[in-house]
C-alpha atoms as a PDB file:
ATOM      1  CA  MET A   1      29.812 -14.237 -16.431  1.00  0.00           C
ATOM      2  CA  LEU A   2      26.616 -12.396 -17.282  1.00  0.00           C
ATOM      3  CA  LYS A   3      25.952 -12.287 -21.006  1.00  0.00           C
ATOM      4  CA  GLU A   4      22.413 -11.622 -22.206  1.00  0.00           C
ATOM      5  CA  SER A   5      20.644 -11.692 -18.855  1.00  0.00           C
ATOM      6  CA  PRO A   6      21.457 -12.841 -15.323  1.00  0.00           C
ATOM      7  CA  CYS A   7      20.932 -16.538 -14.711  1.00  0.00           C
ATOM      8  CA  ILE A   8      19.557 -16.053 -11.208  1.00  0.00           C
ATOM      9  CA  GLY A   9      19.188 -19.733 -10.536  1.00  0.00           C
ATOM     10  CA  CYS A  10      22.628 -20.705 -11.821  1.00  0.00           C
ATOM     11  CA  SER A  11      25.929 -21.191 -10.048  1.00  0.00           C
ATOM     12  CA  ASP A  12      27.596 -18.223 -11.759  1.00  0.00           C
ATOM     13  CA  ARG A  13      25.523 -15.666  -9.874  1.00  0.00           C
ATOM     14  CA  ARG A  14      28.444 -15.290  -7.437  1.00  0.00           C
ATOM     15  CA  ASP A  15      30.303 -13.603 -10.282  1.00  0.00           C
ATOM     16  CA  LEU A  16      27.686 -10.913 -10.968  1.00  0.00           C
ATOM     17  CA  THR A  17      28.982  -7.357 -10.745  1.00  0.00           C
ATOM     18  CA  ARG A  18      27.356  -3.939 -10.640  1.00  0.00           C
ATOM     19  CA  VAL A  19      28.746  -3.221 -14.101  1.00  0.00           C
ATOM     20  CA  GLU A  20      26.898  -6.234 -15.496  1.00  0.00           C
ATOM     21  CA  ILE A  21      23.681  -5.209 -13.745  1.00  0.00           C
ATOM     22  CA  ARG A  22      23.885  -1.729 -15.280  1.00  0.00           C
ATOM     23  CA  ARG A  23      24.696  -3.236 -18.689  1.00  0.00           C
ATOM     24  CA  LEU A  24      21.661  -5.497 -18.408  1.00  0.00           C
ATOM     25  CA  TYR A  25      19.353  -2.578 -17.619  1.00  0.00           C
ATOM     26  CA  ASN A  26      20.761  -0.506 -20.485  1.00  0.00           C
ATOM     27  CA  GLU A  27      20.400  -3.336 -23.011  1.00  0.00           C
ATOM     28  CA  LYS A  28      16.862  -4.220 -21.930  1.00  0.00           C
ATOM     29  CA  SER A  29      15.817  -0.559 -21.962  1.00  0.00           C
ATOM     30  CA  LYS A  30      16.552  -0.481 -25.687  1.00  0.00           C
ATOM     31  CA  ALA A  31      14.476  -3.565 -26.469  1.00  0.00           C
ATOM     32  CA  LEU A  32      11.683  -3.667 -23.903  1.00  0.00           C
ATOM     33  CA  SER A  33       9.020  -1.395 -22.465  1.00  0.00           C
ATOM     34  CA  THR A  34       9.535   0.588 -19.276  1.00  0.00           C
ATOM     35  CA  ARG A  35       7.140  -1.712 -17.433  1.00  0.00           C
ATOM     36  CA  SER A  36       9.069  -4.820 -18.522  1.00  0.00           C
ATOM     37  CA  VAL A  37      12.426  -3.375 -17.483  1.00  0.00           C
ATOM     38  CA  ASP A  38      11.044  -2.376 -14.106  1.00  0.00           C
ATOM     39  CA  TYR A  39       9.698  -5.897 -13.681  1.00  0.00           C
ATOM     40  CA  ILE A  40      13.161  -7.317 -14.406  1.00  0.00           C
ATOM     41  CA  HIS A  41      14.609  -4.881 -11.873  1.00  0.00           C
ATOM     42  CA  ALA A  42      12.174  -5.859  -9.107  1.00  0.00           C
ATOM     43  CA  THR A  43      12.524  -9.582  -9.821  1.00  0.00           C
ATOM     44  CA  LEU A  44      16.315  -9.366  -9.801  1.00  0.00           C
ATOM     45  CA  GLN A  45      16.304  -7.480  -6.506  1.00  0.00           C
ATOM     46  CA  MET A  46      14.100 -10.087  -4.836  1.00  0.00           C
ATOM     47  CA  SER A  47      15.988 -13.047  -6.234  1.00  0.00           C
ATOM     48  CA  LEU A  48      19.419 -11.809  -5.223  1.00  0.00           C
ATOM     49  CA  SER A  49      18.163 -10.758  -1.797  1.00  0.00           C
ATOM     50  CA  GLN A  50      16.799 -14.254  -1.268  1.00  0.00           C
ATOM     51  CA  ALA A  51      20.127 -15.690  -2.388  1.00  0.00           C
ATOM     52  CA  VAL A  52      21.854 -13.591   0.283  1.00  0.00           C
ATOM     53  CA  ARG A  53      19.449 -14.867   2.940  1.00  0.00           C
ATOM     54  CA  ASP A  54      20.113 -18.435   1.771  1.00  0.00           C
ATOM     55  CA  ASP A  55      23.898 -17.859   2.022  1.00  0.00           C
ATOM     56  CA  LEU A  56      24.336 -18.528  -1.695  1.00  0.00           C
ATOM     57  CA  ILE A  57      26.021 -15.175  -2.350  1.00  0.00           C
ATOM     58  CA  PRO A  58      27.773 -12.770   0.040  1.00  0.00           C
ATOM     59  CA  ARG A  59      25.930  -9.621  -1.039  1.00  0.00           C
ATOM     60  CA  ASN A  60      23.280  -8.285  -3.382  1.00  0.00           C
ATOM     61  CA  VAL A  61      25.195  -6.331  -6.027  1.00  0.00           C
ATOM     62  CA  ALA A  62      21.941  -4.986  -7.481  1.00  0.00           C
ATOM     63  CA  VAL A  63      21.176  -2.908  -4.371  1.00  0.00           C
ATOM     64  CA  GLY A  64      21.289   0.744  -5.355  1.00  0.00           C
ATOM     65  CA  GLU A  65      21.289  -0.023  -9.084  1.00  0.00           C
ATOM     66  CA  ARG A  66      18.116   1.049 -10.846  1.00  0.00           C
ATOM     67  CA  PRO A  67      17.026   1.310 -14.490  1.00  0.00           C
ATOM     68  CA  ARG A  68      16.543   4.810 -15.854  1.00  0.00           C
ATOM     69  CA  SER A  69      12.769   4.240 -15.969  1.00  0.00           C
ATOM     70  CA  SER A  70      12.657   3.730 -12.202  1.00  0.00           C
ATOM     71  CA  ARG A  71      14.908   6.699 -11.512  1.00  0.00           C
ATOM     72  CA  ASN A  72      12.761   9.014 -13.609  1.00  0.00           C
ATOM     73  CA  ARG A  73       9.377   7.839 -12.372  1.00  0.00           C
ATOM     74  CA  ASN A  74       7.662   9.634  -9.503  1.00  0.00           C
ATOM     75  CA  GLU A  75       7.721   7.324  -6.531  1.00  0.00           C
ATOM     76  CA  ALA A  76       4.577   6.674  -4.515  1.00  0.00           C
ATOM     77  CA  LYS A  77       4.583   8.977  -1.506  1.00  0.00           C
ATOM     78  CA  ALA A  78       3.990   7.542   1.933  1.00  0.00           C
ATOM     79  CA  LEU A  79       3.710   8.934   5.417  1.00  0.00           C
ATOM     80  CA  SER A  80       6.568   8.249   7.801  1.00  0.00           C
ATOM     81  CA  PRO A  81       5.734   6.618  11.158  1.00  0.00           C
ATOM     82  CA  ALA A  82       6.019  10.034  12.828  1.00  0.00           C
ATOM     83  CA  GLN A  83       3.650  11.554  10.259  1.00  0.00           C
ATOM     84  CA  VAL A  84       1.167   8.722  10.733  1.00  0.00           C
ATOM     85  CA  LYS A  85       1.220   9.398  14.462  1.00  0.00           C
ATOM     86  CA  ALA A  86       0.669  13.128  13.876  1.00  0.00           C
ATOM     87  CA  LEU A  87      -2.239  12.472  11.517  1.00  0.00           C
ATOM     88  CA  LEU A  88      -3.995   9.988  13.795  1.00  0.00           C
ATOM     89  CA  THR A  89      -3.421  12.209  16.807  1.00  0.00           C
ATOM     90  CA  ALA A  90      -5.115  15.074  14.957  1.00  0.00           C
ATOM     91  CA  ALA A  91      -7.988  12.759  13.994  1.00  0.00           C
ATOM     92  CA  ARG A  92      -8.518  11.437  17.513  1.00  0.00           C
ATOM     93  CA  ASP A  93     -12.092  11.808  18.801  1.00  0.00           C
ATOM     94  CA  THR A  94     -13.301  13.274  15.518  1.00  0.00           C
ATOM     95  CA  ARG A  95     -16.272  11.839  13.652  1.00  0.00           C
ATOM     96  CA  SER A  96     -14.060  10.385  10.915  1.00  0.00           C
ATOM     97  CA  GLU A  97     -11.219   9.059  13.035  1.00  0.00           C
ATOM     98  CA  ALA A  98     -11.983   5.435  12.143  1.00  0.00           C
ATOM     99  CA  ILE A  99     -11.745   5.910   8.386  1.00  0.00           C
ATOM    100  CA  TYR A 100      -8.146   7.094   8.675  1.00  0.00           C
ATOM    101  CA  VAL A 101      -7.200   4.296  11.046  1.00  0.00           C
ATOM    102  CA  VAL A 102      -8.768   1.681   8.772  1.00  0.00           C
ATOM    103  CA  ALA A 103      -7.247   3.220   5.636  1.00  0.00           C
ATOM    104  CA  ILE A 104      -3.735   3.136   7.084  1.00  0.00           C
ATOM    105  CA  HIS A 105      -4.102  -0.368   8.528  1.00  0.00           C
ATOM    106  CA  THR A 106      -5.808  -2.049   5.548  1.00  0.00           C
ATOM    107  CA  GLY A 107      -4.718  -0.144   2.438  1.00  0.00           C
ATOM    108  CA  LEU A 108      -8.270   0.044   1.071  1.00  0.00           C
ATOM    109  CA  ARG A 109      -8.915   2.502  -1.750  1.00  0.00           C
ATOM    110  CA  GLN A 110     -11.074   5.507  -0.928  1.00  0.00           C
ATOM    111  CA  GLY A 111     -14.002   4.175  -2.966  1.00  0.00           C
ATOM    112  CA  GLU A 112     -13.724   0.796  -1.232  1.00  0.00           C
ATOM    113  CA  LEU A 113     -13.839   2.438   2.179  1.00  0.00           C
ATOM    114  CA  LEU A 114     -16.846   4.562   1.274  1.00  0.00           C
ATOM    115  CA  GLY A 115     -18.603   1.540  -0.237  1.00  0.00           C
ATOM    116  CA  LEU A 116     -17.982  -0.633   2.812  1.00  0.00           C
ATOM    117  CA  LYS A 117     -21.088  -1.889   4.632  1.00  0.00           C
ATOM    118  CA  TRP A 118     -21.364  -3.365   8.094  1.00  0.00           C
ATOM    119  CA  ILE A 119     -22.338  -6.717   6.590  1.00  0.00           C
ATOM    120  CA  ASP A 120     -18.859  -6.751   5.050  1.00  0.00           C
ATOM    121  CA  VAL A 121     -17.153  -6.401   8.438  1.00  0.00           C
ATOM    122  CA  ASP A 122     -16.615  -9.267  10.864  1.00  0.00           C
ATOM    123  CA  LEU A 123     -15.028  -7.758  13.955  1.00  0.00           C
ATOM    124  CA  ASP A 124     -15.109 -11.036  15.880  1.00  0.00           C
ATOM    125  CA  ALA A 125     -13.174 -12.833  13.143  1.00  0.00           C
ATOM    126  CA  GLY A 126     -10.963  -9.796  12.544  1.00  0.00           C
ATOM    127  CA  LYS A 127     -11.521  -9.316   8.823  1.00  0.00           C
ATOM    128  CA  LEU A 128     -13.507  -7.395   6.254  1.00  0.00           C
ATOM    129  CA  PHE A 129     -14.577  -8.161   2.706  1.00  0.00           C
ATOM    130  CA  VAL A 130     -14.277  -5.781  -0.228  1.00  0.00           C
ATOM    131  CA  ARG A 131     -17.369  -6.379  -2.360  1.00  0.00           C
ATOM    132  CA  ARG A 132     -18.157  -2.972  -3.841  1.00  0.00           C
ATOM    133  CA  SER A 133     -16.820   0.519  -4.377  1.00  0.00           C
ATOM    134  CA  LEU A 134     -18.505   3.907  -4.255  1.00  0.00           C
ATOM    135  CA  LYS A 135     -17.983   5.555  -7.615  1.00  0.00           C
ATOM    136  CA  VAL A 136     -18.607   9.016  -9.066  1.00  0.00           C
ATOM    137  CA  THR A 137     -20.780   8.735 -12.186  1.00  0.00           C
ATOM    138  CA  GLU A 138     -22.461  11.215 -14.503  1.00  0.00           C
ATOM    139  CA  ASP A 139     -25.633  10.726 -12.463  1.00  0.00           C
ATOM    140  CA  GLY A 140     -23.895  11.192  -9.121  1.00  0.00           C
ATOM    141  CA  LEU A 141     -22.643   8.711  -6.554  1.00  0.00           C
ATOM    142  CA  ASP A 142     -23.353   5.047  -7.176  1.00  0.00           C
ATOM    143  CA  PHE A 143     -22.137   1.674  -5.981  1.00  0.00           C
ATOM    144  CA  GLY A 144     -20.302  -0.548  -8.411  1.00  0.00           C
ATOM    145  CA  PRO A 145     -17.921  -3.499  -8.435  1.00  0.00           C
ATOM    146  CA  PRO A 146     -14.361  -3.011  -7.133  1.00  0.00           C
ATOM    147  CA  LYS A 147     -11.648  -1.900  -9.551  1.00  0.00           C
ATOM    148  CA  ASN A 148     -10.872  -5.418 -10.784  1.00  0.00           C
ATOM    149  CA  GLN A 149     -11.543  -9.053  -9.947  1.00  0.00           C
ATOM    150  CA  ALA A 150      -8.533  -9.212  -7.630  1.00  0.00           C
ATOM    151  CA  SER A 151      -9.981  -6.274  -5.688  1.00  0.00           C
ATOM    152  CA  ARG A 152     -12.770  -8.533  -4.434  1.00  0.00           C
ATOM    153  CA  ARG A 153     -10.851  -9.727  -1.439  1.00  0.00           C
ATOM    154  CA  SER A 154     -10.742 -10.486   2.244  1.00  0.00           C
ATOM    155  CA  VAL A 155      -8.559  -8.167   4.309  1.00  0.00           C
ATOM    156  CA  PRO A 156      -7.423  -8.955   7.870  1.00  0.00           C
ATOM    157  CA  LEU A 157      -8.045  -6.400  10.593  1.00  0.00           C
ATOM    158  CA  ASN A 158      -5.460  -5.776  13.288  1.00  0.00           C
ATOM    159  CA  LYS A 159      -6.232  -4.658  16.830  1.00  0.00           C
ATOM    160  CA  SER A 160      -6.013  -0.952  15.974  1.00  0.00           C
ATOM    161  CA  ALA A 161      -8.545  -1.257  13.146  1.00  0.00           C
ATOM    162  CA  ILE A 162     -10.919  -3.431  15.176  1.00  0.00           C
ATOM    163  CA  SER A 163     -10.840  -1.061  18.125  1.00  0.00           C
ATOM    164  CA  ALA A 164     -11.460   1.956  15.887  1.00  0.00           C
ATOM    165  CA  LEU A 165     -14.386   0.253  14.147  1.00  0.00           C
ATOM    166  CA  ARG A 166     -16.022  -0.810  17.421  1.00  0.00           C
ATOM    167  CA  ALA A 167     -15.880   2.749  18.739  1.00  0.00           C
ATOM    168  CA  HIS A 168     -17.069   4.079  15.396  1.00  0.00           C
ATOM    169  CA  ARG A 169     -20.101   1.802  15.376  1.00  0.00           C
ATOM    170  CA  LEU A 170     -21.166   3.019  18.814  1.00  0.00           C
ATOM    171  CA  GLN A 171     -20.735   6.616  17.724  1.00  0.00           C
ATOM    172  CA  GLN A 172     -22.716   5.959  14.554  1.00  0.00           C
ATOM    173  CA  ASN A 173     -25.593   4.432  16.518  1.00  0.00           C
ATOM    174  CA  GLU A 174     -25.802   7.609  18.575  1.00  0.00           C
ATOM    175  CA  GLU A 175     -25.703   9.709  15.413  1.00  0.00           C
ATOM    176  CA  ARG A 176     -28.462   7.607  13.901  1.00  0.00           C
ATOM    177  CA  LEU A 177     -30.740   8.179  16.895  1.00  0.00           C
ATOM    178  CA  SER A 178     -30.153  11.946  16.972  1.00  0.00           C
ATOM    179  CA  ALA A 179     -30.583  12.529  13.219  1.00  0.00           C
ATOM    180  CA  PRO A 180     -33.967  14.015  12.151  1.00  0.00           C
ATOM    181  CA  LYS A 181     -34.059  11.416   9.379  1.00  0.00           C
ATOM    182  CA  TRP A 182     -31.576   8.628   8.811  1.00  0.00           C
ATOM    183  CA  HIS A 183     -31.225   7.101   5.345  1.00  0.00           C
ATOM    184  CA  ASP A 184     -30.092   3.613   6.212  1.00  0.00           C
ATOM    185  CA  HIS A 185     -27.711   2.110   3.645  1.00  0.00           C
ATOM    186  CA  ASN A 186     -25.861   0.120   6.332  1.00  0.00           C
ATOM    187  CA  LEU A 187     -22.679   1.971   5.376  1.00  0.00           C
ATOM    188  CA  VAL A 188     -19.682   1.968   7.657  1.00  0.00           C
ATOM    189  CA  PHE A 189     -18.644   5.483   6.636  1.00  0.00           C
ATOM    190  CA  PRO A 190     -21.784   7.376   5.548  1.00  0.00           C
ATOM    191  CA  ASN A 191     -22.424  11.108   5.792  1.00  0.00           C
ATOM    192  CA  ARG A 192     -24.255  12.603   8.755  1.00  0.00           C
ATOM    193  CA  VAL A 193     -27.669  11.380   7.590  1.00  0.00           C
ATOM    194  CA  GLY A 194     -26.670   7.889   6.483  1.00  0.00           C
ATOM    195  CA  ARG A 195     -26.225   8.557   2.770  1.00  0.00           C
ATOM    196  CA  PRO A 196     -23.021   7.746   0.851  1.00  0.00           C
ATOM    197  CA  THR A 197     -20.179  10.155   1.600  1.00  0.00           C
ATOM    198  CA  ASP A 198     -19.123  12.358  -1.293  1.00  0.00           C
ATOM    199  CA  HIS A 199     -15.451  11.852  -2.165  1.00  0.00           C
ATOM    200  CA  ASN A 200     -14.805  15.575  -2.555  1.00  0.00           C
ATOM    201  CA  ASN A 201     -16.514  16.454   0.717  1.00  0.00           C
ATOM    202  CA  LEU A 202     -14.359  13.931   2.542  1.00  0.00           C
ATOM    203  CA  TYR A 203     -11.196  15.236   0.954  1.00  0.00           C
ATOM    204  CA  TYR A 204     -11.743  19.007   1.099  1.00  0.00           C
ATOM    205  CA  ARG A 205     -13.885  19.353   4.214  1.00  0.00           C
ATOM    206  CA  GLU A 206     -12.216  16.763   6.401  1.00  0.00           C
ATOM    207  CA  TYR A 207      -8.948  15.330   5.109  1.00  0.00           C
ATOM    208  CA  LYS A 208      -7.242  18.574   4.045  1.00  0.00           C
ATOM    209  CA  PRO A 209      -8.109  20.392   7.304  1.00  0.00           C
ATOM    210  CA  LEU A 210      -6.842  17.324   9.151  1.00  0.00           C
ATOM    211  CA  LEU A 211      -3.500  17.536   7.324  1.00  0.00           C
ATOM    212  CA  GLU A 212      -3.226  21.182   8.328  1.00  0.00           C
ATOM    213  CA  CYS A 213      -4.013  20.349  11.942  1.00  0.00           C
ATOM    214  CA  ALA A 214      -1.335  17.635  11.869  1.00  0.00           C
ATOM    215  CA  GLY A 215       1.229  20.008  10.368  1.00  0.00           C
ATOM    216  CA  LEU A 216       1.326  18.023   7.119  1.00  0.00           C
ATOM    217  CA  ALA A 217      -0.240  20.532   4.727  1.00  0.00           C
ATOM    218  CA  GLY A 218       1.763  21.332   1.616  1.00  0.00           C
ATOM    219  CA  GLU A 219       3.502  17.943   1.576  1.00  0.00           C
ATOM    220  CA  GLY A 220       1.459  16.673  -1.370  1.00  0.00           C
ATOM    221  CA  PHE A 221      -0.273  13.949   0.619  1.00  0.00           C
ATOM    222  CA  THR A 222      -3.500  12.768  -1.008  1.00  0.00           C
ATOM    223  CA  PHE A 223      -6.015  10.346   0.463  1.00  0.00           C
ATOM    224  CA  HIS A 224      -4.349   7.677  -1.692  1.00  0.00           C
ATOM    225  CA  THR A 225      -1.177   8.345   0.305  1.00  0.00           C
ATOM    226  CA  LEU A 226      -2.738   6.351   3.134  1.00  0.00           C
ATOM    227  CA  ARG A 227      -2.867   3.308   0.857  1.00  0.00           C
ATOM    228  CA  HIS A 228       0.780   3.793  -0.119  1.00  0.00           C
ATOM    229  CA  THR A 229       1.659   4.145   3.559  1.00  0.00           C
ATOM    230  CA  PHE A 230       0.127   0.741   4.280  1.00  0.00           C
ATOM    231  CA  ALA A 231       1.995  -0.931   1.418  1.00  0.00           C
ATOM    232  CA  THR A 232       5.283   0.769   2.261  1.00  0.00           C
ATOM    233  CA  ALA A 233       5.056  -0.395   5.882  1.00  0.00           C
ATOM    234  CA  LEU A 234       4.571  -3.981   4.697  1.00  0.00           C
ATOM    235  CA  PHE A 235       7.604  -3.838   2.412  1.00  0.00           C
ATOM    236  CA  MET A 236       9.717  -2.274   5.144  1.00  0.00           C
ATOM    237  CA  ARG A 237       8.797  -5.238   7.345  1.00  0.00           C
ATOM    238  CA  GLY A 238      10.051  -7.582   4.631  1.00  0.00           C
ATOM    239  CA  GLU A 239       6.649  -8.825   3.474  1.00  0.00           C
ATOM    240  CA  HIS A 240       6.640 -10.745   0.185  1.00  0.00           C
ATOM    241  CA  PRO A 241       5.325  -8.756  -2.822  1.00  0.00           C
ATOM    242  CA  LYS A 242       2.709 -11.448  -3.575  1.00  0.00           C
ATOM    243  CA  VAL A 243       1.206 -10.915  -0.131  1.00  0.00           C
ATOM    244  CA  VAL A 244       1.194  -7.148  -0.639  1.00  0.00           C
ATOM    245  CA  GLN A 245      -0.432  -7.622  -4.049  1.00  0.00           C
ATOM    246  CA  SER A 246      -3.205  -9.707  -2.519  1.00  0.00           C
ATOM    247  CA  LEU A 247      -3.879  -7.268   0.313  1.00  0.00           C
ATOM    248  CA  LEU A 248      -3.955  -4.276  -2.034  1.00  0.00           C
ATOM    249  CA  GLY A 249      -6.144  -6.021  -4.594  1.00  0.00           C
ATOM    250  CA  HIS A 250      -3.767  -5.358  -7.485  1.00  0.00           C
ATOM    251  CA  SER A 251      -4.653  -7.170 -10.687  1.00  0.00           C
ATOM    252  CA  SER A 252      -1.086  -8.434 -11.145  1.00  0.00           C
ATOM    253  CA  ILE A 253       2.213  -8.686  -9.339  1.00  0.00           C
ATOM    254  CA  THR A 254       3.670  -6.489 -12.089  1.00  0.00           C
ATOM    255  CA  GLN A 255       1.493  -3.598 -10.939  1.00  0.00           C
ATOM    256  CA  THR A 256       2.709  -4.021  -7.371  1.00  0.00           C
ATOM    257  CA  MET A 257       6.341  -4.143  -8.453  1.00  0.00           C
ATOM    258  CA  ASP A 258       5.941  -1.190 -10.801  1.00  0.00           C
ATOM    259  CA  THR A 259       4.473   0.932  -8.028  1.00  0.00           C
ATOM    260  CA  TYR A 260       6.878  -0.071  -5.284  1.00  0.00           C
ATOM    261  CA  SER A 261      10.041  -1.136  -7.110  1.00  0.00           C
ATOM    262  CA  HIS A 262      11.955   1.684  -5.403  1.00  0.00           C
ATOM    263  CA  LEU A 263      11.388  -0.123  -2.113  1.00  0.00           C
ATOM    264  CA  MET A 264      12.922  -3.342  -3.431  1.00  0.00           C
ATOM    265  CA  ASP A 265      16.394  -1.774  -3.384  1.00  0.00           C
ATOM    266  CA  GLY A 266      16.698  -2.144   0.363  1.00  0.00           C
ATOM    267  CA  ILE A 267      15.068  -5.538   0.751  1.00  0.00           C
ATOM    268  CA  GLY A 268      17.622  -7.958   2.068  1.00  0.00           C
ATOM    269  CA  SER A 269      20.325  -5.311   2.421  1.00  0.00           C
ATOM    270  CA  ASP A 270      20.310  -5.857   6.171  1.00  0.00           C
ATOM    271  CA  ALA A 271      20.644  -9.613   5.797  1.00  0.00           C
ATOM    272  CA  VAL A 272      24.406  -9.473   6.370  1.00  0.00           C
ATOM    273  CA  ASP A 273      24.269  -7.026   9.261  1.00  0.00           C
ATOM    274  CA  GLY A 274      26.093  -8.418  12.226  1.00  0.00           C
ATOM    275  CA  LEU A 275      28.160 -10.973  10.289  1.00  0.00           C
ATOM    276  CA  ASP A 276      31.377  -9.310  11.385  1.00  0.00           C
ATOM    277  CA  GLU A 277      30.497 -10.124  14.979  1.00  0.00           C
ATOM    278  CA  ALA A 278      29.033 -13.519  14.128  1.00  0.00           C
ATOM    279  CA  PHE A 279      32.198 -14.797  12.475  1.00  0.00           C
ATOM    280  CA  VAL A 280      34.640 -13.492  15.066  1.00  0.00           C
END
């Protein structure tokens, strides 16, 4: 039986009950920080879900059980597949179409996207490298290092992102030739004269009108929502949190679990689907 904490690797995990899970969360909430309790929650969810997949236990009794800290925290908002389709349909054939496609398919932060240069993109190999971020400083826009060391990363590009970037590069070459003066910073997503794109201009002049056109205005979707959409899609596909952490450039797995612990509840819950038919 569960006493102080669940022995996930021990033989008695078959005896775990929802009551014991709730008791664990309540006890730990009194002694540990919110972050630590949420980490226990996410780790427990993953471990028990893996045990179900390995046929060590019949079901994950922690599914649906959440510490008070997780229940009270605002969950990261993400676009549904239908909303993604509406957004990208509204962005089709616009000057900035590629930035939304790449954001949704790579999870890059806004500053990382705006700091991206063509030398960082290898379309033939299907990957890009995050080496810098465009930041707002007291003196205006400036390039700086990514948010943390883990943010310096290689990110794979799928077919949708590669196709969007190829079309975007052709469009940009035409824009370069027609501009009275082009300030060449080799940026993937510059403004109309080649200079770094202002974060506020992108958000208020392009992204917000795009949300309205897609019928998504008033939903509280920020540009960062595109990053959450990417991560949520990975978790819904059953991707391991360590992989998601690496792709997002989070400094620690704790940060990933803290942000997306609400998605852990359903991981592995479909592992026993179909067993009724399988054992007939």
